[in-house]
Amino acid sequence: MGSPKRVVLAYSGGLDTSIAVRWMREQWDVEVVCCAVDVGQLAPDEADTIHQRAIAAGAIEVEVVDARARFAEEVLVPALQANALYEGRYPLVSALSRPVIVEELVASARRHLADAVAHGCTGKGNDQVRFEVSSRILAPDLDVLAPVREWGLTRADCVELAAKWEIPIEATKEKLYSIDENMWGRAIECGVLENPWAAPPEEPFTLTRPPSDAPSQPREVVVGFDQGVPVSLDGSRTDLVDLVATLSETVGAYGWGRVDMVENRRVGIKSREVYECPAALALILAHQDLEGITLERDVMREKQRVEIRIAELVYDGLWHSPLMRALKAFVRETQECVTGEVRLRLEPGRCYAAGRRSPHSLYAHDLATYGSDDAFRHEDSEGFVRLWGLSAETWSRRQGPGSR
């Protein structure tokens, strides 16, 4: 393939991708189409601003795609069913949005007969991996361009170029934080957060308030699930986009839903990251709790092993890989009876499951109770326990520390 002539850029509307439009035109002599994908990060009136900014930067055409419902149904649902938490803590806020963004990027490239796609990621982060691997899986015939990785411009340089090129963007040479957000939460990094000993300041948080400012009276919220999919709050059915937004506001008001961790990036470095994702963490907590009474023991244990691998694949940009397809099929099969309700109790700085029920519950009261209606056959236990420990007992008699 020769040099690209038309490129579709994953456009955020921010400083870097705005500069990238003009820079690619001048340095690489390409036509640039901007594709902004809304996965819950755009304000209702922001689409027009993004369109005007991209045109001012030199784009020949601009698309703003509303992918919120698709993101929720096709990505967040399987991620939630897998209780996906990278390194046991991070609900993959940024990583989960990339598959949908790349799918829309490739679709836009097809519509506009482009021969390349582009992104605004740096060479140090995870997102370059996610954009490029997904692009090459979905459209191996398209080139993938990364102008930010090549241009060697500082933020101050970009601010000056925006002024010179008359790109209407609100940006300063000093950027306190780098923030990425969507309906699943917000990822915050840079600035004082680069010191892992420093406590995160309150300034960048918008979804969660400090526990000291939370309501003093506890509150309970009932989350309803149908085959592992959240479908209702307090008995009222709602679509997933609205459910996540409502739960985020409710849980975040109690000062719960922040994650502060040093994680292992795909490129081989450790990075201090701060996240606020009250709805994501609350839904995963509720879903795990409901699985506790609806999944058979061995299925649950095997699923827990699979969940770790799924989270790693998402983080590493392999959402569209054949292994991910296979693992998602396994998880989907486990969700057939994960139907019921979980009662979450909210207190300042706390969110925990206070009750759960399901029409498919495997919890049998007559087997679990110690009351008069106990149906458990206690006399069976003596032989079971003896046989269960027989191998270890035999070893102890023949080879254990006291046998020689």
Protein backbone atom coordinates (compact mmCIF):
# COMPACT_ATOMS: atom_id res chain seq x y z
CA MET A 1 0.00 0.00 0.00
CA GLY A 2 1.22 3.49 -0.81
CA SER A 3 1.03 6.53 1.43
CA PRO A 4 -2.48 7.15 2.83
CA LYS A 5 -4.52 9.87 1.16
CA ARG A 6 -7.56 9.97 3.42
CA VAL A 7 -7.52 9.30 7.16
CA VAL A 8 -10.32 8.95 9.70
CA LEU A 9 -9.17 10.27 13.07
CA ALA A 10 -10.63 9.18 16.42
CA TYR A 11 -11.46 12.71 17.48
CA SER A 12 -12.03 13.71 21.11
CA GLY A 13 -12.36 17.43 20.51
CA GLY A 14 -9.43 18.11 22.82
CA LEU A 15 -6.13 19.85 22.20
CA ASP A 16 -4.05 16.93 20.92
CA THR A 17 -6.52 15.56 18.38
CA SER A 18 -7.38 19.06 17.17
CA ILE A 19 -3.73 19.81 16.50
CA ALA A 20 -3.39 16.37 14.91
CA VAL A 21 -5.92 17.28 12.21
CA ARG A 22 -3.90 20.23 10.92
CA TRP A 23 -0.53 18.57 11.58
CA MET A 24 -1.40 15.48 9.50
CA ARG A 25 -2.65 17.67 6.67
CA GLU A 26 0.58 19.68 6.57
CA GLN A 27 3.11 16.97 7.36
CA TRP A 28 1.60 13.97 5.62
CA ASP A 29 -0.56 15.67 2.96
CA VAL A 30 -3.69 13.70 3.85
CA GLU A 31 -7.38 14.51 3.99
CA VAL A 32 -8.73 14.10 7.52
CA VAL A 33 -12.21 13.00 8.52
CA CYS A 34 -12.95 13.37 12.24
CA CYS A 35 -15.03 10.74 14.01
CA ALA A 36 -16.10 11.56 17.57
CA VAL A 37 -17.76 8.64 19.35
CA ASP A 38 -20.01 9.42 22.30
CA VAL A 39 -19.78 6.69 24.95
CA GLY A 40 -21.23 8.90 27.65
CA GLN A 41 -18.57 11.59 27.88
CA LEU A 42 -20.28 14.31 25.83
CA ALA A 43 -22.63 16.93 27.21
CA PRO A 44 -25.96 17.30 25.33
CA ASP A 45 -24.84 20.47 23.54
CA GLU A 46 -21.24 19.44 22.93
CA ALA A 47 -21.67 17.83 19.49
CA ASP A 48 -21.98 21.20 17.72
CA THR A 49 -18.84 22.51 19.44
CA ILE A 50 -16.87 19.44 18.43
CA HIS A 51 -18.05 19.78 14.82
CA GLN A 52 -17.06 23.44 14.60
CA ARG A 53 -13.68 22.82 16.22
CA ALA A 54 -12.81 19.97 13.87
CA ILE A 55 -13.74 21.99 10.81
CA ALA A 56 -11.64 24.90 12.07
CA ALA A 57 -8.73 22.50 12.50
CA GLY A 58 -9.01 21.46 8.87
CA ALA A 59 -11.19 18.34 8.77
CA ILE A 60 -13.01 17.78 5.49
CA GLU A 61 -15.89 16.14 7.32
CA VAL A 62 -16.97 15.44 10.92
CA GLU A 63 -19.10 12.68 12.37
CA VAL A 64 -20.39 12.59 15.95
CA VAL A 65 -21.70 9.08 16.64
CA ASP A 66 -24.00 8.35 19.58
CA ALA A 67 -22.77 4.91 20.70
CA ARG A 68 -24.00 5.04 24.30
CA ALA A 69 -26.66 2.34 24.02
CA ARG A 70 -24.39 0.10 21.99
CA PHE A 71 -21.53 0.59 24.45
CA ALA A 72 -23.81 -0.36 27.33
CA GLU A 73 -25.40 -3.40 25.72
CA GLU A 74 -22.50 -4.88 23.74
CA VAL A 75 -19.57 -4.08 26.02
CA LEU A 76 -20.62 -3.15 29.54
CA VAL A 77 -23.04 -6.08 29.86
CA PRO A 78 -20.49 -8.82 29.08
CA ALA A 79 -17.87 -7.01 31.17
CA LEU A 80 -20.24 -6.83 34.13
CA GLN A 81 -21.27 -10.46 33.70
CA ALA A 82 -17.55 -11.27 33.90
CA ASN A 83 -17.10 -9.04 36.99
CA ALA A 84 -14.18 -7.57 35.05
CA LEU A 85 -11.68 -5.88 37.39
CA TYR A 86 -8.10 -5.45 36.21
CA GLU A 87 -5.69 -6.55 38.93
CA GLY A 88 -8.72 -7.09 41.12
CA ARG A 89 -9.56 -3.39 41.46
CA TYR A 90 -9.96 -1.39 38.24
CA PRO A 91 -13.29 -1.79 36.37
CA LEU A 92 -11.60 -0.98 33.05
CA VAL A 93 -13.29 2.37 32.45
CA SER A 94 -11.12 3.52 29.53
CA ALA A 95 -10.22 0.10 28.17
CA LEU A 96 -13.85 -0.95 27.70
CA SER A 97 -14.72 2.08 25.55
CA ARG A 98 -11.98 1.46 23.00
CA PRO A 99 -13.53 -1.53 21.19
CA VAL A 100 -16.69 0.44 20.37
CA ILE A 101 -14.72 3.54 19.38
CA VAL A 102 -12.53 1.51 17.02
CA GLU A 103 -15.53 -0.27 15.52
CA GLU A 104 -17.12 3.11 14.74
CA LEU A 105 -13.77 4.40 13.46
CA VAL A 106 -13.43 1.51 11.02
CA ALA A 107 -17.07 1.89 9.92
CA SER A 108 -16.44 5.57 9.25
CA ALA A 109 -13.32 4.71 7.25
CA ARG A 110 -15.41 2.41 5.08
CA ARG A 111 -18.09 5.07 4.55
CA HIS A 112 -15.54 7.69 3.56
CA LEU A 113 -13.36 5.37 1.46
CA ALA A 114 -10.36 6.12 3.67
CA ASP A 115 -7.18 4.08 3.51
CA ALA A 116 -6.07 4.74 7.10
CA VAL A 117 -7.32 5.43 10.61
CA ALA A 118 -5.53 7.50 13.25
CA HIS A 119 -5.57 8.08 16.99
CA GLY A 120 -4.21 10.71 19.39
CA CYS A 121 -2.46 8.39 21.87
CA THR A 122 1.08 8.79 23.13
CA GLY A 123 3.78 6.14 22.99
CA LYS A 124 3.72 5.56 26.74
CA GLY A 125 0.12 4.60 27.38
CA ASN A 126 -2.13 1.59 26.96
CA ASP A 127 -4.57 3.18 24.53
CA GLN A 128 -2.21 3.06 21.57
CA VAL A 129 -2.20 -0.73 21.99
CA ARG A 130 -5.97 -0.91 22.23
CA PHE A 131 -6.62 1.30 19.20
CA GLU A 132 -4.04 -0.31 16.97
CA VAL A 133 -4.60 -3.97 17.84
CA SER A 134 -8.36 -3.64 17.46
CA SER A 135 -7.94 -1.73 14.18
CA ARG A 136 -5.68 -4.41 12.76
CA ILE A 137 -8.04 -7.19 13.81
CA LEU A 138 -11.13 -5.49 12.38
CA ALA A 139 -9.52 -3.93 9.29
CA PRO A 140 -6.05 -5.32 8.53
CA ASP A 141 -6.08 -3.52 5.17
CA LEU A 142 -6.11 -0.06 6.78
CA ASP A 143 -2.98 1.79 7.87
CA VAL A 144 -2.94 3.00 11.48
CA LEU A 145 -1.35 6.42 12.10
CA ALA A 146 -0.21 7.88 15.41
CA PRO A 147 0.77 11.55 14.93
CA VAL A 148 1.23 12.33 18.65
CA ARG A 149 3.81 9.55 18.85
CA GLU A 150 5.83 11.15 16.08
CA TRP A 151 5.54 14.91 16.27
CA GLY A 152 7.64 15.63 19.37
CA LEU A 153 5.44 18.56 20.44
CA THR A 154 4.99 19.61 24.06
CA ARG A 155 1.66 20.75 25.43
CA ALA A 156 2.94 24.33 25.30
CA ASP A 157 3.79 23.83 21.63
CA CYS A 158 0.29 22.56 20.94
CA VAL A 159 -1.33 25.51 22.71
CA GLU A 160 0.74 27.92 20.62
CA LEU A 161 -0.13 26.09 17.40
CA ALA A 162 -3.84 26.16 18.26
CA ALA A 163 -3.62 29.94 18.62
CA LYS A 164 -1.56 30.29 15.43
CA TRP A 165 -3.96 28.09 13.43
CA GLU A 166 -7.03 29.77 15.00
CA ILE A 167 -8.44 26.53 16.38
CA PRO A 168 -11.06 27.52 18.99
CA ILE A 169 -10.06 25.43 21.95
CA GLU A 170 -9.92 26.16 25.66
CA ALA A 171 -6.51 24.96 26.80
CA THR A 172 -3.61 26.23 28.85
CA LYS A 173 0.07 25.37 28.78
CA GLU A 174 -0.21 23.89 32.27
CA LYS A 175 -2.44 20.87 32.39
CA LEU A 176 -3.06 19.62 35.92
CA TYR A 177 -4.64 16.28 35.07
CA SER A 178 -5.33 13.93 32.19
CA ILE A 179 -8.92 12.74 32.39
CA ASP A 180 -10.77 10.18 30.30
CA GLU A 181 -14.41 9.47 30.97
CA ASN A 182 -17.47 7.62 29.77
CA MET A 183 -20.67 6.30 31.34
CA TRP A 184 -18.71 3.62 33.28
CA GLY A 185 -16.63 6.23 35.14
CA ARG A 186 -13.60 8.51 34.98
CA ALA A 187 -9.86 7.85 34.80
CA ILE A 188 -7.60 10.53 36.29
CA GLU A 189 -3.81 10.75 36.03
CA CYS A 190 -0.83 13.13 35.82
CA GLY A 191 -0.03 16.19 37.93
CA VAL A 192 0.43 15.55 41.65
CA LEU A 193 -0.91 12.03 41.12
CA GLU A 194 2.41 11.03 39.57
CA ASN A 195 3.75 10.88 43.13
CA PRO A 196 2.29 7.60 44.49
CA TRP A 197 2.78 8.83 48.07
CA ALA A 198 0.68 11.96 47.59
CA ALA A 199 -2.99 11.74 48.50
CA PRO A 200 -5.34 12.57 45.60
CA PRO A 201 -6.76 16.09 45.93
CA GLU A 202 -10.50 16.60 45.76
CA GLU A 203 -10.24 18.90 42.76
CA PRO A 204 -10.53 16.40 39.88
CA PHE A 205 -13.43 14.34 41.31
CA THR A 206 -16.89 14.99 39.92
CA LEU A 207 -18.81 11.71 40.35
CA THR A 208 -18.02 11.13 44.01
CA ARG A 209 -18.08 13.49 46.98
CA PRO A 210 -15.92 13.10 50.10
CA PRO A 211 -17.49 10.77 52.70
CA SER A 212 -17.50 13.70 55.11
CA ASP A 213 -20.00 15.45 52.81
CA ALA A 214 -22.22 12.39 52.34
CA PRO A 215 -25.78 12.22 53.67
CA SER A 216 -25.79 11.22 57.32
CA GLN A 217 -28.75 8.88 56.92
CA PRO A 218 -28.04 5.48 55.29
CA ARG A 219 -29.97 4.52 52.20
CA GLU A 220 -30.75 1.23 50.49
CA VAL A 221 -31.02 0.63 46.75
CA VAL A 222 -32.37 -2.59 45.22
CA VAL A 223 -30.76 -3.61 41.93
CA GLY A 224 -32.67 -6.12 39.81
CA PHE A 225 -30.95 -8.48 37.35
CA ASP A 226 -32.25 -10.64 34.52
CA GLN A 227 -29.72 -13.26 33.38
CA GLY A 228 -26.85 -11.17 34.70
CA VAL A 229 -28.08 -7.91 33.14
CA PRO A 230 -29.14 -5.00 35.41
CA VAL A 231 -32.73 -4.14 34.50
CA SER A 232 -34.24 -2.26 37.44
CA LEU A 233 -33.64 0.02 40.41
CA ASP A 234 -35.98 -0.21 43.41
CA GLY A 235 -38.42 -2.23 41.32
CA SER A 236 -38.63 0.24 38.43
CA ARG A 237 -37.40 -1.14 35.12
CA THR A 238 -35.10 1.10 33.12
CA ASP A 239 -32.64 0.88 30.25
CA LEU A 240 -29.01 0.33 31.15
CA VAL A 241 -27.79 3.80 30.13
CA ASP A 242 -30.21 5.52 32.52
CA LEU A 243 -29.71 2.89 35.21
CA VAL A 244 -25.95 3.46 35.25
CA ALA A 245 -26.38 7.24 35.36
CA THR A 246 -28.88 7.10 38.22
CA LEU A 247 -26.85 4.63 40.26
CA SER A 248 -23.67 6.64 39.69
CA GLU A 249 -25.31 9.73 41.15
CA THR A 250 -26.87 7.85 44.07
CA VAL A 251 -23.78 5.89 45.11
CA GLY A 252 -21.33 8.71 44.40
CA ALA A 253 -23.26 10.99 46.76
CA TYR A 254 -22.25 8.69 49.62
CA GLY A 255 -18.55 9.11 48.88
CA TRP A 256 -17.98 5.59 47.57
CA GLY A 257 -16.59 4.43 44.25
CA ARG A 258 -12.99 5.68 44.07
CA VAL A 259 -9.96 3.56 43.24
CA ASP A 260 -6.39 4.70 43.90
CA MET A 261 -3.80 2.20 42.66
CA VAL A 262 -0.45 1.65 41.01
CA GLU A 263 -1.15 -0.62 38.05
CA ASN A 264 0.96 -2.46 35.52
CA ARG A 265 0.62 -0.95 32.07
CA ARG A 266 0.87 -3.10 28.97
CA VAL A 267 4.00 -1.23 27.83
CA GLY A 268 5.92 -2.44 30.87
CA ILE A 269 5.82 0.46 33.32
CA LYS A 270 3.95 0.97 36.57
CA SER A 271 1.57 3.91 36.65
CA ARG A 272 -0.35 5.55 39.49
CA GLU A 273 -3.97 5.83 38.44
CA VAL A 274 -7.02 7.23 40.21
CA TYR A 275 -10.52 6.27 39.13
CA GLU A 276 -14.01 7.18 40.20
CA CYS A 277 -16.61 4.70 39.07
CA PRO A 278 -19.41 4.39 41.65
CA ALA A 279 -21.96 2.74 39.36
CA ALA A 280 -19.50 0.26 37.89
CA LEU A 281 -18.19 -0.87 41.26
CA ALA A 282 -21.68 -1.03 42.80
CA LEU A 283 -23.04 -3.13 39.93
CA ILE A 284 -20.09 -5.52 40.02
CA LEU A 285 -20.50 -5.86 43.79
CA ALA A 286 -24.23 -6.60 43.41
CA HIS A 287 -23.71 -8.99 40.50
CA GLN A 288 -21.02 -10.97 42.35
CA ASP A 289 -23.33 -11.22 45.35
CA LEU A 290 -26.22 -12.53 43.27
CA GLU A 291 -23.95 -15.11 41.67
CA GLY A 292 -23.16 -16.30 45.19
CA ILE A 293 -26.65 -17.81 45.50
CA THR A 294 -27.29 -18.75 41.85
CA LEU A 295 -24.07 -20.34 40.54
CA GLU A 296 -23.13 -23.93 41.31
CA ARG A 297 -19.86 -24.15 43.26
CA ASP A 298 -17.56 -25.53 40.54
CA VAL A 299 -19.00 -23.23 37.87
CA MET A 300 -18.44 -20.25 40.16
CA ARG A 301 -14.84 -21.24 40.91
CA GLU A 302 -13.98 -21.79 37.27
CA LYS A 303 -15.67 -18.53 36.32
CA GLN A 304 -13.56 -16.64 38.85
CA ARG A 305 -10.42 -17.88 37.10
CA VAL A 306 -11.84 -16.88 33.71
CA GLU A 307 -12.73 -13.41 35.01
CA ILE A 308 -9.07 -12.62 35.69
CA ARG A 309 -8.12 -13.54 32.12
CA ILE A 310 -10.99 -11.54 30.62
CA ALA A 311 -9.95 -8.42 32.53
CA GLU A 312 -6.38 -8.84 31.28
CA LEU A 313 -7.54 -9.24 27.67
CA VAL A 314 -9.70 -6.11 27.91
CA TYR A 315 -6.84 -4.11 29.43
CA ASP A 316 -4.41 -5.36 26.78
CA GLY A 317 -6.62 -4.36 23.84
CA LEU A 318 -7.69 -7.88 22.85
CA TRP A 319 -11.46 -7.47 23.06
CA HIS A 320 -11.82 -8.67 19.47
CA SER A 321 -9.46 -11.65 19.86
CA PRO A 322 -10.60 -15.26 19.38
CA LEU A 323 -9.83 -16.08 23.02
CA MET A 324 -12.08 -13.26 24.20
CA ARG A 325 -14.89 -14.52 21.99
CA ALA A 326 -14.58 -17.98 23.52
CA LEU A 327 -14.39 -16.74 27.11
CA LYS A 328 -17.38 -14.43 26.65
CA ALA A 329 -19.37 -17.42 25.39
CA PHE A 330 -18.51 -19.33 28.57
CA VAL A 331 -19.52 -16.41 30.79
CA ARG A 332 -22.75 -15.91 28.85
CA GLU A 333 -23.67 -19.55 29.50
CA THR A 334 -23.17 -19.11 33.25
CA GLN A 335 -25.68 -16.24 33.42
CA GLU A 336 -28.83 -18.17 32.54
CA CYS A 337 -30.03 -18.28 36.16
CA VAL A 338 -28.37 -15.10 37.49
CA THR A 339 -31.75 -13.45 37.94
CA GLY A 340 -32.97 -11.75 41.09
CA GLU A 341 -32.42 -8.72 43.30
CA VAL A 342 -29.63 -7.44 45.52
CA ARG A 343 -30.19 -4.83 48.22
CA LEU A 344 -27.24 -2.44 48.46
CA ARG A 345 -26.83 -0.40 51.62
CA LEU A 346 -25.19 3.00 51.34
CA GLU A 347 -23.47 4.71 54.24
CA PRO A 348 -20.86 7.51 54.20
CA GLY A 349 -17.86 5.99 52.42
CA ARG A 350 -19.45 2.52 52.24
CA CYS A 351 -21.51 0.40 49.87
CA TYR A 352 -22.23 -3.25 50.62
CA ALA A 353 -24.76 -5.97 49.90
CA ALA A 354 -27.29 -6.28 52.70
CA GLY A 355 -29.61 -8.84 51.11
CA ARG A 356 -30.16 -10.93 48.02
CA ARG A 357 -32.92 -13.13 46.56
CA SER A 358 -33.51 -15.09 43.38
CA PRO A 359 -36.18 -17.40 41.95
CA HIS A 360 -33.26 -19.68 40.98
CA SER A 361 -31.48 -19.55 44.33
CA LEU A 362 -29.39 -22.59 45.25
CA TYR A 363 -29.58 -21.61 48.91
CA ALA A 364 -31.71 -24.30 50.63
CA HIS A 365 -32.91 -23.19 54.05
CA ASP A 366 -33.68 -26.72 55.25
CA LEU A 367 -30.08 -27.72 54.52
CA ALA A 368 -28.45 -24.58 55.91
CA THR A 369 -30.50 -24.10 59.09
CA TYR A 370 -29.51 -25.23 62.57
CA GLY A 371 -33.14 -25.09 63.66
CA SER A 372 -35.68 -27.86 64.22
CA ASP A 373 -36.44 -28.20 60.50
CA ASP A 374 -32.84 -29.15 59.69
CA ALA A 375 -32.90 -31.72 56.84
CA PHE A 376 -29.14 -32.22 56.62
CA ARG A 377 -28.04 -35.87 57.26
CA HIS A 378 -25.38 -35.31 59.93
CA GLU A 379 -24.63 -39.04 60.16
CA ASP A 380 -23.24 -38.95 56.60
CA SER A 381 -20.48 -36.55 57.61
CA GLU A 382 -18.30 -38.97 59.58
CA GLY A 383 -17.48 -41.16 56.61
CA PHE A 384 -17.20 -38.16 54.27
CA VAL A 385 -14.68 -36.39 56.50
CA ARG A 386 -12.63 -39.57 56.99
CA LEU A 387 -12.38 -40.25 53.26
CA TRP A 388 -11.76 -36.57 52.45
CA GLY A 389 -8.69 -36.49 54.66
CA LEU A 390 -7.50 -40.05 53.95
CA SER A 391 -4.76 -39.11 51.49
CA ALA A 392 -3.24 -36.50 53.82
CA GLU A 393 -3.54 -38.87 56.79
CA THR A 394 -1.76 -41.65 54.89
CA TRP A 395 1.05 -39.29 53.98
CA SER A 396 1.38 -38.19 57.59
CA ARG A 397 1.64 -41.79 58.82
CA ARG A 398 4.20 -42.90 56.18
CA GLN A 399 6.19 -39.78 55.24
CA GLY A 400 5.21 -37.00 57.66
CA PRO A 401 7.64 -35.28 60.07
CA GLY A 402 6.91 -37.74 62.90
CA SER A 403 7.16 -40.92 60.79
CA ARG A 404 10.96 -40.99 60.37
